[in-house]
Amino acid sequence: MVKNAFISVISQKENEENRGSVEFQVVSFTAKIRKLTSHLELHKKDFSSQRGLRKILGKRQQLLAYLSKKDGARYKELIGELDIRERKTS
């Protein structure tokens, strides 16, 4: 629930400023992904929702790849805030 609260705070702030920013799009895709994931836990055979989830995951992956190429610091900050990727332990 903490992640969802964080996402709503970011989305409200970004909603007023810039909806087209990469960060806002990644946050909105992440919210949709979490919602669809919880839906698919209950409805395992909902194949159209599975397809939609895969499409959203692909779009988010493309945006994150773009952001990592353009600005690595913003990418790392966004990944850390949303807790999307697993962190490597060295």
PDB file of N, CA and C in Angstrom:
ATOM      1  N   MET A   1       0.803  -1.195   0.000  1.00  0.00           N
ATOM      2  CA  MET A   1       0.000   0.000   0.000  1.00  0.00           C
ATOM      3  C   MET A   1       0.848   1.262   0.000  1.00  0.00           C
ATOM      4  N   VAL A   2       2.044   1.186   0.519  1.00  0.00           N
ATOM      5  CA  VAL A   2       2.913   2.351   0.543  1.00  0.00           C
ATOM      6  C   VAL A   2       3.278   2.759  -0.875  1.00  0.00           C
ATOM      7  N   LYS A   3       3.530   1.780  -1.736  1.00  0.00           N
ATOM      8  CA  LYS A   3       3.891   2.076  -3.117  1.00  0.00           C
ATOM      9  C   LYS A   3       2.751   2.793  -3.826  1.00  0.00           C
ATOM     10  N   ASN A   4       1.516   2.336  -3.607  1.00  0.00           N
ATOM     11  CA  ASN A   4       0.372   2.968  -4.249  1.00  0.00           C
ATOM     12  C   ASN A   4       0.194   4.398  -3.774  1.00  0.00           C
ATOM     13  N   ALA A   5       0.436   4.660  -2.492  1.00  0.00           N
ATOM     14  CA  ALA A   5       0.337   6.018  -1.977  1.00  0.00           C
ATOM     15  C   ALA A   5       1.404   6.893  -2.617  1.00  0.00           C
ATOM     16  N   PHE A   6       2.603   6.356  -2.779  1.00  0.00           N
ATOM     17  CA  PHE A   6       3.685   7.104  -3.408  1.00  0.00           C
ATOM     18  C   PHE A   6       3.343   7.421  -4.854  1.00  0.00           C
ATOM     19  N   ILE A   7       2.765   6.455  -5.547  1.00  0.00           N
ATOM     20  CA  ILE A   7       2.399   6.660  -6.942  1.00  0.00           C
ATOM     21  C   ILE A   7       1.332   7.739  -7.051  1.00  0.00           C
ATOM     22  N   SER A   8       0.358   7.743  -6.148  1.00  0.00           N
ATOM     23  CA  SER A   8      -0.687   8.759  -6.219  1.00  0.00           C
ATOM     24  C   SER A   8      -0.131  10.151  -5.939  1.00  0.00           C
ATOM     25  N   VAL A   9       0.843  10.257  -5.037  1.00  0.00           N
ATOM     26  CA  VAL A   9       1.447  11.558  -4.755  1.00  0.00           C
ATOM     27  C   VAL A   9       2.197  12.064  -5.982  1.00  0.00           C
ATOM     28  N   ILE A  10       2.967  11.190  -6.614  1.00  0.00           N
ATOM     29  CA  ILE A  10       3.702  11.595  -7.814  1.00  0.00           C
ATOM     30  C   ILE A  10       2.731  11.956  -8.929  1.00  0.00           C
ATOM     31  N   SER A  11       1.707  11.142  -9.108  1.00  0.00           N
ATOM     32  CA  SER A  11       0.796  11.402 -10.209  1.00  0.00           C
ATOM     33  C   SER A  11       0.024  12.700 -10.002  1.00  0.00           C
ATOM     34  N   GLN A  12      -0.323  13.045  -8.769  1.00  0.00           N
ATOM     35  CA  GLN A  12      -1.005  14.312  -8.521  1.00  0.00           C
ATOM     36  C   GLN A  12      -0.083  15.486  -8.813  1.00  0.00           C
ATOM     37  N   LYS A  13       1.179  15.374  -8.404  1.00  0.00           N
ATOM     38  CA  LYS A  13       2.130  16.439  -8.656  1.00  0.00           C
ATOM     39  C   LYS A  13       2.366  16.592 -10.151  1.00  0.00           C
ATOM     40  N   GLU A  14       2.582  15.496 -10.828  1.00  0.00           N
ATOM     41  CA  GLU A  14       2.846  15.525 -12.258  1.00  0.00           C
ATOM     42  C   GLU A  14       1.595  15.885 -13.052  1.00  0.00           C
ATOM     43  N   ASN A  15       0.441  15.565 -12.525  1.00  0.00           N
ATOM     44  CA  ASN A  15      -0.808  15.854 -13.211  1.00  0.00           C
ATOM     45  C   ASN A  15      -0.942  17.351 -13.456  1.00  0.00           C
ATOM     46  N   GLU A  16      -0.491  18.133 -12.505  1.00  0.00           N
ATOM     47  CA  GLU A  16      -0.581  19.573 -12.646  1.00  0.00           C
ATOM     48  C   GLU A  16       0.519  20.105 -13.555  1.00  0.00           C
ATOM     49  N   GLU A  17       1.669  19.455 -13.593  1.00  0.00           N
ATOM     50  CA  GLU A  17       2.819  19.997 -14.300  1.00  0.00           C
ATOM     51  C   GLU A  17       2.950  19.454 -15.720  1.00  0.00           C
ATOM     52  N   ASN A  18       3.290  18.178 -15.864  1.00  0.00           N
ATOM     53  CA  ASN A  18       3.654  17.669 -17.179  1.00  0.00           C
ATOM     54  C   ASN A  18       3.241  16.217 -17.324  1.00  0.00           C
ATOM     55  N   ARG A  19       2.166  15.993 -18.019  1.00  0.00           N
ATOM     56  CA  ARG A  19       1.692  14.619 -18.204  1.00  0.00           C
ATOM     57  C   ARG A  19       2.496  13.854 -19.233  1.00  0.00           C
ATOM     58  N   GLY A  20       3.208  14.544 -20.079  1.00  0.00           N
ATOM     59  CA  GLY A  20       3.953  13.881 -21.137  1.00  0.00           C
ATOM     60  C   GLY A  20       5.349  13.454 -20.746  1.00  0.00           C
ATOM     61  N   SER A  21       5.766  13.756 -19.529  1.00  0.00           N
ATOM     62  CA  SER A  21       7.119  13.407 -19.129  1.00  0.00           C
ATOM     63  C   SER A  21       7.260  11.888 -19.014  1.00  0.00           C
ATOM     64  N   VAL A  22       8.477  11.429 -19.195  1.00  0.00           N
ATOM     65  CA  VAL A  22       8.748  10.001 -19.135  1.00  0.00           C
ATOM     66  C   VAL A  22       8.416   9.462 -17.752  1.00  0.00           C
ATOM     67  N   GLU A  23       8.771  10.221 -16.709  1.00  0.00           N
ATOM     68  CA  GLU A  23       8.508   9.767 -15.340  1.00  0.00           C
ATOM     69  C   GLU A  23       7.018   9.572 -15.099  1.00  0.00           C
ATOM     70  N   PHE A  24       6.200  10.531 -15.550  1.00  0.00           N
ATOM     71  CA  PHE A  24       4.759  10.414 -15.346  1.00  0.00           C
ATOM     72  C   PHE A  24       4.206   9.197 -16.076  1.00  0.00           C
ATOM     73  N   GLN A  25       4.663   8.974 -17.304  1.00  0.00           N
ATOM     74  CA  GLN A  25       4.176   7.831 -18.067  1.00  0.00           C
ATOM     75  C   GLN A  25       4.568   6.519 -17.403  1.00  0.00           C
ATOM     76  N   VAL A  26       5.794   6.434 -16.893  1.00  0.00           N
ATOM     77  CA  VAL A  26       6.238   5.209 -16.227  1.00  0.00           C
ATOM     78  C   VAL A  26       5.423   4.982 -14.958  1.00  0.00           C
ATOM     79  N   VAL A  27       5.148   6.052 -14.214  1.00  0.00           N
ATOM     80  CA  VAL A  27       4.358   5.920 -12.988  1.00  0.00           C
ATOM     81  C   VAL A  27       2.946   5.456 -13.311  1.00  0.00           C
ATOM     82  N   SER A  28       2.338   6.019 -14.358  1.00  0.00           N
ATOM     83  CA  SER A  28       0.975   5.602 -14.695  1.00  0.00           C
ATOM     84  C   SER A  28       0.945   4.162 -15.208  1.00  0.00           C
ATOM     85  N   PHE A  29       1.962   3.773 -16.003  1.00  0.00           N
ATOM     86  CA  PHE A  29       2.027   2.379 -16.450  1.00  0.00           C
ATOM     87  C   PHE A  29       2.230   1.437 -15.272  1.00  0.00           C
ATOM     88  N   THR A  30       3.031   1.847 -14.293  1.00  0.00           N
ATOM     89  CA  THR A  30       3.271   1.007 -13.120  1.00  0.00           C
ATOM     90  C   THR A  30       1.986   0.808 -12.329  1.00  0.00           C
ATOM     91  N   ALA A  31       1.196   1.867 -12.193  1.00  0.00           N
ATOM     92  CA  ALA A  31      -0.083   1.743 -11.493  1.00  0.00           C
ATOM     93  C   ALA A  31      -1.011   0.775 -12.228  1.00  0.00           C
ATOM     94  N   LYS A  32      -1.056   0.878 -13.556  1.00  0.00           N
ATOM     95  CA  LYS A  32      -1.893  -0.029 -14.346  1.00  0.00           C
ATOM     96  C   LYS A  32      -1.402  -1.468 -14.228  1.00  0.00           C
ATOM     97  N   ILE A  33      -0.083  -1.648 -14.234  1.00  0.00           N
ATOM     98  CA  ILE A  33       0.497  -2.991 -14.133  1.00  0.00           C
ATOM     99  C   ILE A  33       0.136  -3.626 -12.802  1.00  0.00           C
ATOM    100  N   ARG A  34       0.242  -2.880 -11.729  1.00  0.00           N
ATOM    101  CA  ARG A  34      -0.085  -3.428 -10.409  1.00  0.00           C
ATOM    102  C   ARG A  34      -1.565  -3.760 -10.305  1.00  0.00           C
ATOM    103  N   LYS A  35      -2.409  -2.935 -10.904  1.00  0.00           N
ATOM    104  CA  LYS A  35      -3.846  -3.201 -10.883  1.00  0.00           C
ATOM    105  C   LYS A  35      -4.175  -4.463 -11.685  1.00  0.00           C
ATOM    106  N   LEU A  36      -3.592  -4.581 -12.883  1.00  0.00           N
ATOM    107  CA  LEU A  36      -3.836  -5.767 -13.709  1.00  0.00           C
ATOM    108  C   LEU A  36      -3.264  -7.027 -13.072  1.00  0.00           C
ATOM    109  N   THR A  37      -2.132  -6.910 -12.404  1.00  0.00           N
ATOM    110  CA  THR A  37      -1.532  -8.075 -11.756  1.00  0.00           C
ATOM    111  C   THR A  37      -2.440  -8.608 -10.655  1.00  0.00           C
ATOM    112  N   SER A  38      -2.991  -7.700  -9.865  1.00  0.00           N
ATOM    113  CA  SER A  38      -3.899  -8.162  -8.808  1.00  0.00           C
ATOM    114  C   SER A  38      -5.172  -8.749  -9.416  1.00  0.00           C
ATOM    115  N   HIS A  39      -5.633  -8.211 -10.531  1.00  0.00           N
ATOM    116  CA  HIS A  39      -6.807  -8.759 -11.208  1.00  0.00           C
ATOM    117  C   HIS A  39      -6.525 -10.170 -11.723  1.00  0.00           C
ATOM    118  N   LEU A  40      -5.329 -10.357 -12.293  1.00  0.00           N
ATOM    119  CA  LEU A  40      -5.002 -11.658 -12.876  1.00  0.00           C
ATOM    120  C   LEU A  40      -4.736 -12.724 -11.820  1.00  0.00           C
ATOM    121  N   GLU A  41      -4.434 -12.324 -10.591  1.00  0.00           N
ATOM    122  CA  GLU A  41      -4.308 -13.313  -9.523  1.00  0.00           C
ATOM    123  C   GLU A  41      -5.656 -13.961  -9.237  1.00  0.00           C
ATOM    124  N   LEU A  42      -6.728 -13.207  -9.389  1.00  0.00           N
ATOM    125  CA  LEU A  42      -8.068 -13.761  -9.175  1.00  0.00           C
ATOM    126  C   LEU A  42      -8.608 -14.470 -10.417  1.00  0.00           C
ATOM    127  N   HIS A  43      -8.312 -13.909 -11.588  1.00  0.00           N
ATOM    128  CA  HIS A  43      -8.862 -14.425 -12.845  1.00  0.00           C
ATOM    129  C   HIS A  43      -7.724 -14.908 -13.724  1.00  0.00           C
ATOM    130  N   LYS A  44      -7.296 -16.117 -13.474  1.00  0.00           N
ATOM    131  CA  LYS A  44      -6.111 -16.648 -14.141  1.00  0.00           C
ATOM    132  C   LYS A  44      -6.302 -16.880 -15.642  1.00  0.00           C
ATOM    133  N   LYS A  45      -7.522 -17.079 -16.094  1.00  0.00           N
ATOM    134  CA  LYS A  45      -7.765 -17.399 -17.498  1.00  0.00           C
ATOM    135  C   LYS A  45      -8.258 -16.200 -18.305  1.00  0.00           C
ATOM    136  N   ASP A  46      -8.067 -15.015 -17.794  1.00  0.00           N
ATOM    137  CA  ASP A  46      -8.454 -13.802 -18.511  1.00  0.00           C
ATOM    138  C   ASP A  46      -7.324 -13.433 -19.471  1.00  0.00           C
ATOM    139  N   PHE A  47      -7.368 -14.034 -20.647  1.00  0.00           N
ATOM    140  CA  PHE A  47      -6.251 -13.915 -21.579  1.00  0.00           C
ATOM    141  C   PHE A  47      -6.173 -12.537 -22.221  1.00  0.00           C
ATOM    142  N   SER A  48      -7.293 -11.856 -22.376  1.00  0.00           N
ATOM    143  CA  SER A  48      -7.227 -10.512 -22.949  1.00  0.00           C
ATOM    144  C   SER A  48      -6.553  -9.546 -21.979  1.00  0.00           C
ATOM    145  N   SER A  49      -6.774  -9.735 -20.698  1.00  0.00           N
ATOM    146  CA  SER A  49      -6.079  -8.899 -19.716  1.00  0.00           C
ATOM    147  C   SER A  49      -4.595  -9.247 -19.668  1.00  0.00           C
ATOM    148  N   GLN A  50      -4.260 -10.518 -19.863  1.00  0.00           N
ATOM    149  CA  GLN A  50      -2.851 -10.909 -19.915  1.00  0.00           C
ATOM    150  C   GLN A  50      -2.152 -10.247 -21.091  1.00  0.00           C
ATOM    151  N   ARG A  51      -2.831 -10.191 -22.217  1.00  0.00           N
ATOM    152  CA  ARG A  51      -2.251  -9.552 -23.391  1.00  0.00           C
ATOM    153  C   ARG A  51      -2.063  -8.059 -23.144  1.00  0.00           C
ATOM    154  N   GLY A  52      -3.063  -7.424 -22.547  1.00  0.00           N
ATOM    155  CA  GLY A  52      -2.945  -6.005 -22.224  1.00  0.00           C
ATOM    156  C   GLY A  52      -1.807  -5.728 -21.258  1.00  0.00           C
ATOM    157  N   LEU A  53      -1.624  -6.628 -20.292  1.00  0.00           N
ATOM    158  CA  LEU A  53      -0.531  -6.483 -19.340  1.00  0.00           C
ATOM    159  C   LEU A  53       0.818  -6.578 -20.048  1.00  0.00           C
ATOM    160  N   ARG A  54       0.947  -7.524 -20.967  1.00  0.00           N
ATOM    161  CA  ARG A  54       2.205  -7.658 -21.709  1.00  0.00           C
ATOM    162  C   ARG A  54       2.500  -6.424 -22.552  1.00  0.00           C
ATOM    163  N   LYS A  55       1.461  -5.833 -23.146  1.00  0.00           N
ATOM    164  CA  LYS A  55       1.654  -4.628 -23.949  1.00  0.00           C
ATOM    165  C   LYS A  55       2.111  -3.457 -23.077  1.00  0.00           C
ATOM    166  N   ILE A  56       1.494  -3.297 -21.916  1.00  0.00           N
ATOM    167  CA  ILE A  56       1.873  -2.212 -21.016  1.00  0.00           C
ATOM    168  C   ILE A  56       3.288  -2.420 -20.496  1.00  0.00           C
ATOM    169  N   LEU A  57       3.634  -3.666 -20.184  1.00  0.00           N
ATOM    170  CA  LEU A  57       5.000  -3.954 -19.739  1.00  0.00           C
ATOM    171  C   LEU A  57       6.024  -3.589 -20.815  1.00  0.00           C
ATOM    172  N   GLY A  58       5.710  -3.876 -22.060  1.00  0.00           N
ATOM    173  CA  GLY A  58       6.603  -3.539 -23.156  1.00  0.00           C
ATOM    174  C   GLY A  58       6.773  -2.039 -23.325  1.00  0.00           C
ATOM    175  N   LYS A  59       5.676  -1.311 -23.207  1.00  0.00           N
ATOM    176  CA  LYS A  59       5.747   0.143 -23.322  1.00  0.00           C
ATOM    177  C   LYS A  59       6.587   0.747 -22.199  1.00  0.00           C
ATOM    178  N   ARG A  60       6.367   0.235 -20.983  1.00  0.00           N
ATOM    179  CA  ARG A  60       7.146   0.741 -19.849  1.00  0.00           C
ATOM    180  C   ARG A  60       8.620   0.408 -20.022  1.00  0.00           C
ATOM    181  N   GLN A  61       8.915  -0.773 -20.531  1.00  0.00           N
ATOM    182  CA  GLN A  61      10.299  -1.174 -20.749  1.00  0.00           C
ATOM    183  C   GLN A  61      10.971  -0.264 -21.779  1.00  0.00           C
ATOM    184  N   GLN A  62      10.252   0.102 -22.834  1.00  0.00           N
ATOM    185  CA  GLN A  62      10.805   1.006 -23.835  1.00  0.00           C
ATOM    186  C   GLN A  62      11.079   2.383 -23.241  1.00  0.00           C
ATOM    187  N   LEU A  63      10.150   2.885 -22.444  1.00  0.00           N
ATOM    188  CA  LEU A  63      10.355   4.194 -21.825  1.00  0.00           C
ATOM    189  C   LEU A  63      11.537   4.181 -20.868  1.00  0.00           C
ATOM    190  N   LEU A  64      11.677   3.102 -20.097  1.00  0.00           N
ATOM    191  CA  LEU A  64      12.790   3.019 -19.166  1.00  0.00           C
ATOM    192  C   LEU A  64      14.121   2.898 -19.904  1.00  0.00           C
ATOM    193  N   ALA A  65      14.132   2.195 -21.027  1.00  0.00           N
ATOM    194  CA  ALA A  65      15.360   2.097 -21.820  1.00  0.00           C
ATOM    195  C   ALA A  65      15.735   3.465 -22.379  1.00  0.00           C
ATOM    196  N   TYR A  66      14.749   4.215 -22.844  1.00  0.00           N
ATOM    197  CA  TYR A  66      14.998   5.565 -23.344  1.00  0.00           C
ATOM    198  C   TYR A  66      15.552   6.454 -22.240  1.00  0.00           C
ATOM    199  N   LEU A  67      14.928   6.391 -21.064  1.00  0.00           N
ATOM    200  CA  LEU A  67      15.368   7.236 -19.957  1.00  0.00           C
ATOM    201  C   LEU A  67      16.772   6.863 -19.500  1.00  0.00           C
ATOM    202  N   SER A  68      17.104   5.579 -19.506  1.00  0.00           N
ATOM    203  CA  SER A  68      18.443   5.175 -19.072  1.00  0.00           C
ATOM    204  C   SER A  68      19.507   5.660 -20.051  1.00  0.00           C
ATOM    205  N   LYS A  69      19.168   5.737 -21.339  1.00  0.00           N
ATOM    206  CA  LYS A  69      20.125   6.246 -22.320  1.00  0.00           C
ATOM    207  C   LYS A  69      20.308   7.755 -22.193  1.00  0.00           C
ATOM    208  N   LYS A  70      19.208   8.469 -21.982  1.00  0.00           N
ATOM    209  CA  LYS A  70      19.257   9.928 -21.968  1.00  0.00           C
ATOM    210  C   LYS A  70      19.781  10.496 -20.654  1.00  0.00           C
ATOM    211  N   ASP A  71      19.305   9.942 -19.534  1.00  0.00           N
ATOM    212  CA  ASP A  71      19.691  10.494 -18.233  1.00  0.00           C
ATOM    213  C   ASP A  71      19.697   9.373 -17.198  1.00  0.00           C
ATOM    214  N   GLY A  72      20.886   8.835 -16.952  1.00  0.00           N
ATOM    215  CA  GLY A  72      21.021   7.697 -16.042  1.00  0.00           C
ATOM    216  C   GLY A  72      20.655   8.023 -14.610  1.00  0.00           C
ATOM    217  N   ALA A  73      20.883   9.251 -14.178  1.00  0.00           N
ATOM    218  CA  ALA A  73      20.568   9.632 -12.801  1.00  0.00           C
ATOM    219  C   ALA A  73      19.056   9.639 -12.569  1.00  0.00           C
ATOM    220  N   ARG A  74      18.311  10.206 -13.516  1.00  0.00           N
ATOM    221  CA  ARG A  74      16.847  10.212 -13.396  1.00  0.00           C
ATOM    222  C   ARG A  74      16.297   8.798 -13.438  1.00  0.00           C
ATOM    223  N   TYR A  75      16.908   7.953 -14.268  1.00  0.00           N
ATOM    224  CA  TYR A  75      16.490   6.555 -14.380  1.00  0.00           C
ATOM    225  C   TYR A  75      16.668   5.836 -13.042  1.00  0.00           C
ATOM    226  N   LYS A  76      17.848   5.969 -12.456  1.00  0.00           N
ATOM    227  CA  LYS A  76      18.120   5.292 -11.182  1.00  0.00           C
ATOM    228  C   LYS A  76      17.216   5.806 -10.079  1.00  0.00           C
ATOM    229  N   GLU A  77      16.948   7.110 -10.070  1.00  0.00           N
ATOM    230  CA  GLU A  77      16.060   7.683  -9.056  1.00  0.00           C
ATOM    231  C   GLU A  77      14.644   7.142  -9.202  1.00  0.00           C
ATOM    232  N   LEU A  78      14.157   7.076 -10.437  1.00  0.00           N
ATOM    233  CA  LEU A  78      12.802   6.578 -10.684  1.00  0.00           C
ATOM    234  C   LEU A  78      12.674   5.106 -10.315  1.00  0.00           C
ATOM    235  N   ILE A  79      13.671   4.310 -10.676  1.00  0.00           N
ATOM    236  CA  ILE A  79      13.663   2.882 -10.356  1.00  0.00           C
ATOM    237  C   ILE A  79      13.662   2.684  -8.838  1.00  0.00           C
ATOM    238  N   GLY A  80      14.461   3.484  -8.143  1.00  0.00           N
ATOM    239  CA  GLY A  80      14.526   3.381  -6.687  1.00  0.00           C
ATOM    240  C   GLY A  80      13.224   3.776  -6.017  1.00  0.00           C
ATOM    241  N   GLU A  81      12.594   4.836  -6.523  1.00  0.00           N
ATOM    242  CA  GLU A  81      11.351   5.308  -5.917  1.00  0.00           C
ATOM    243  C   GLU A  81      10.206   4.327  -6.128  1.00  0.00           C
ATOM    244  N   LEU A  82      10.122   3.767  -7.327  1.00  0.00           N
ATOM    245  CA  LEU A  82       9.018   2.857  -7.638  1.00  0.00           C
ATOM    246  C   LEU A  82       9.312   1.419  -7.239  1.00  0.00           C
ATOM    247  N   ASP A  83      10.568   1.120  -6.947  1.00  0.00           N
ATOM    248  CA  ASP A  83      10.985  -0.223  -6.562  1.00  0.00           C
ATOM    249  C   ASP A  83      10.572  -1.240  -7.633  1.00  0.00           C
ATOM    250  N   ILE A  84      10.974  -0.940  -8.864  1.00  0.00           N
ATOM    251  CA  ILE A  84      10.602  -1.787  -9.996  1.00  0.00           C
ATOM    252  C   ILE A  84      11.584  -2.922 -10.185  1.00  0.00           C
ATOM    253  N   ARG A  85      12.835  -2.619 -10.269  1.00  0.00           N
ATOM    254  CA  ARG A  85      13.852  -3.616 -10.549  1.00  0.00           C
ATOM    255  C   ARG A  85      14.400  -4.198  -9.259  1.00  0.00           C
ATOM    256  N   GLU A  86      14.902  -5.436  -9.378  1.00  0.00           N
ATOM    257  CA  GLU A  86      15.582  -6.043  -8.235  1.00  0.00           C
ATOM    258  C   GLU A  86      16.974  -5.447  -8.143  1.00  0.00           C
ATOM    259  N   ARG A  87      17.406  -5.204  -6.944  1.00  0.00           N
ATOM    260  CA  ARG A  87      18.709  -4.615  -6.765  1.00  0.00           C
ATOM    261  C   ARG A  87      19.751  -5.710  -6.675  1.00  0.00           C
ATOM    262  N   LYS A  88      20.846  -5.502  -7.371  1.00  0.00           N
ATOM    263  CA  LYS A  88      21.938  -6.482  -7.360  1.00  0.00           C
ATOM    264  C   LYS A  88      22.769  -6.296  -6.117  1.00  0.00           C
ATOM    265  N   THR A  89      23.099  -7.392  -5.471  1.00  0.00           N
ATOM    266  CA  THR A  89      23.966  -7.339  -4.303  1.00  0.00           C
ATOM    267  C   THR A  89      25.357  -7.773  -4.725  1.00  0.00           C
ATOM    268  N   SER A  90      26.317  -6.917  -4.504  1.00  0.00           N
ATOM    269  CA  SER A  90      27.687  -7.229  -4.930  1.00  0.00           C
ATOM    270  C   SER A  90      28.519  -7.668  -3.754  1.00  0.00           C
TER     271      SER A  90
END
